[in-house]
Protein backbone atom coordinates (compact mmCIF):
# COMPACT_ATOMS: atom_id res chain seq x y z
CA ARG A 1 262.25 112.74 159.12
CA HIS A 2 260.44 110.70 156.44
CA GLY A 3 257.08 112.44 156.46
CA ASP A 4 253.58 111.22 157.13
CA ARG A 5 253.94 108.15 154.90
CA TRP A 6 256.89 106.67 156.80
CA LYS A 7 255.08 103.36 157.39
CA HIS A 8 254.53 102.92 153.65
CA LEU A 9 258.17 103.84 153.02
CA LEU A 10 259.33 101.32 155.63
CA ARG A 11 257.23 98.52 154.10
CA SER A 12 258.43 99.37 150.59
CA THR A 13 262.07 99.46 151.70
CA ALA A 14 261.71 96.13 153.50
CA HIS A 15 260.15 94.61 150.36
CA MET A 16 263.00 95.94 148.21
CA MET A 17 265.67 94.61 150.61
CA ARG A 18 264.05 91.15 150.71
CA ASN A 19 263.90 91.02 146.92
CA LEU A 20 267.23 92.56 145.91
CA GLU A 21 268.56 89.26 144.61
CA LYS A 22 265.60 89.04 142.22
CA LEU A 23 266.26 92.44 140.72
CA ASP A 24 268.64 92.61 137.81
CA GLY A 25 269.28 96.29 138.38
CA LEU A 26 270.17 98.54 135.51
CA SER A 27 271.87 96.87 132.58
CA PRO A 28 274.72 98.48 130.63
CA GLU A 29 272.21 99.02 127.84
CA ASP A 30 269.89 100.87 130.24
CA LEU A 31 272.72 103.09 131.45
CA GLU A 32 273.82 103.92 127.91
CA THR A 33 270.39 105.39 127.18
CA VAL A 34 270.70 108.01 129.93
CA VAL A 35 271.30 111.33 128.19
CA ILE A 36 271.26 113.72 131.15
CA PRO A 37 274.28 114.61 133.31
CA VAL A 38 274.70 112.28 136.30
CA CYS A 39 276.85 112.76 139.38
CA LEU A 40 277.70 109.48 141.10
CA MET A 41 278.73 110.05 144.71
CA LEU A 42 280.39 107.42 146.86
CA GLY A 43 281.35 107.65 150.52
CA ASP A 44 284.98 106.83 151.21
CA GLN A 45 283.80 104.54 154.05
CA ASP A 46 280.89 103.02 152.11
CA ARG A 47 280.56 99.27 152.65
CA MET A 48 277.36 98.83 150.62
CA VAL A 49 278.53 100.09 147.22
CA GLY A 50 282.13 99.79 146.07
CA ILE A 51 284.28 101.89 143.79
CA GLU A 52 284.33 99.06 141.22
CA GLU A 53 280.53 99.11 140.87
CA THR A 54 280.51 102.89 140.72
CA GLN A 55 283.23 103.01 138.06
CA LEU A 56 281.40 100.38 136.02
CA ALA A 57 278.22 102.45 135.99
CA HIS A 58 280.30 105.54 135.19
CA ARG A 59 281.75 103.85 132.09
CA TYR A 60 278.27 103.31 130.65
CA LEU A 61 276.83 106.70 131.63
CA HIS A 62 278.13 108.98 128.90
CA HIS A 63 277.55 112.22 130.81
CA SER A 64 278.65 111.26 134.30
CA VAL A 65 281.23 112.20 136.89
CA VAL A 66 282.29 110.30 140.01
CA LYS A 67 282.89 112.10 143.29
CA THR A 68 284.16 110.52 146.49
CA ILE A 69 282.76 112.01 149.69
CA THR A 70 285.28 112.11 152.53
CA HIS A 71 284.46 110.84 156.01
CA SER A 72 281.22 109.29 154.74
CA LYS A 73 279.41 105.97 154.92
CA HIS A 74 276.53 104.84 152.72
CA ASP A 75 273.89 106.19 155.10
CA LEU A 76 273.07 109.80 154.32
CA ASP A 77 272.83 110.64 158.02
CA LYS A 78 276.45 109.44 158.39
CA ALA A 79 277.71 111.38 155.38
CA ASN A 80 279.62 114.62 154.99
CA LEU A 81 276.59 116.73 154.06
CA LYS A 82 278.59 119.90 153.66
CA GLU A 83 280.75 118.24 150.99
CA ILE A 84 277.72 116.67 149.29
CA SER A 85 275.92 120.00 149.08
CA SER A 86 279.05 121.66 147.67
CA ILE A 87 279.39 118.97 144.99
CA MET A 88 275.71 119.25 144.12
CA GLU A 89 275.92 123.03 143.90
CA ASP A 90 278.95 122.84 141.57
CA PHE A 91 277.34 120.08 139.50
CA LEU A 92 274.06 121.92 139.01
CA ILE A 93 275.66 125.18 137.91
């Protein structure tokens, strides 16, 4: 599923998860500099990222839209892939 470098990916992900509290993330100033269209997608059953955080990022991203994916958690393998692909197709056209 994750290719030949899955061990490296696992170590990198573990490092990121252990150090999340040290990361400041993207600041409003960072987000305001993004000049490309951005589609923020949020699962309606997501417990990792909330609508408030998503809406906050949306306010600073000048060319963004927010889409809620039905019957979906944060994990991509527990998401409504058919709906995601439809949104992506519409967004990219």
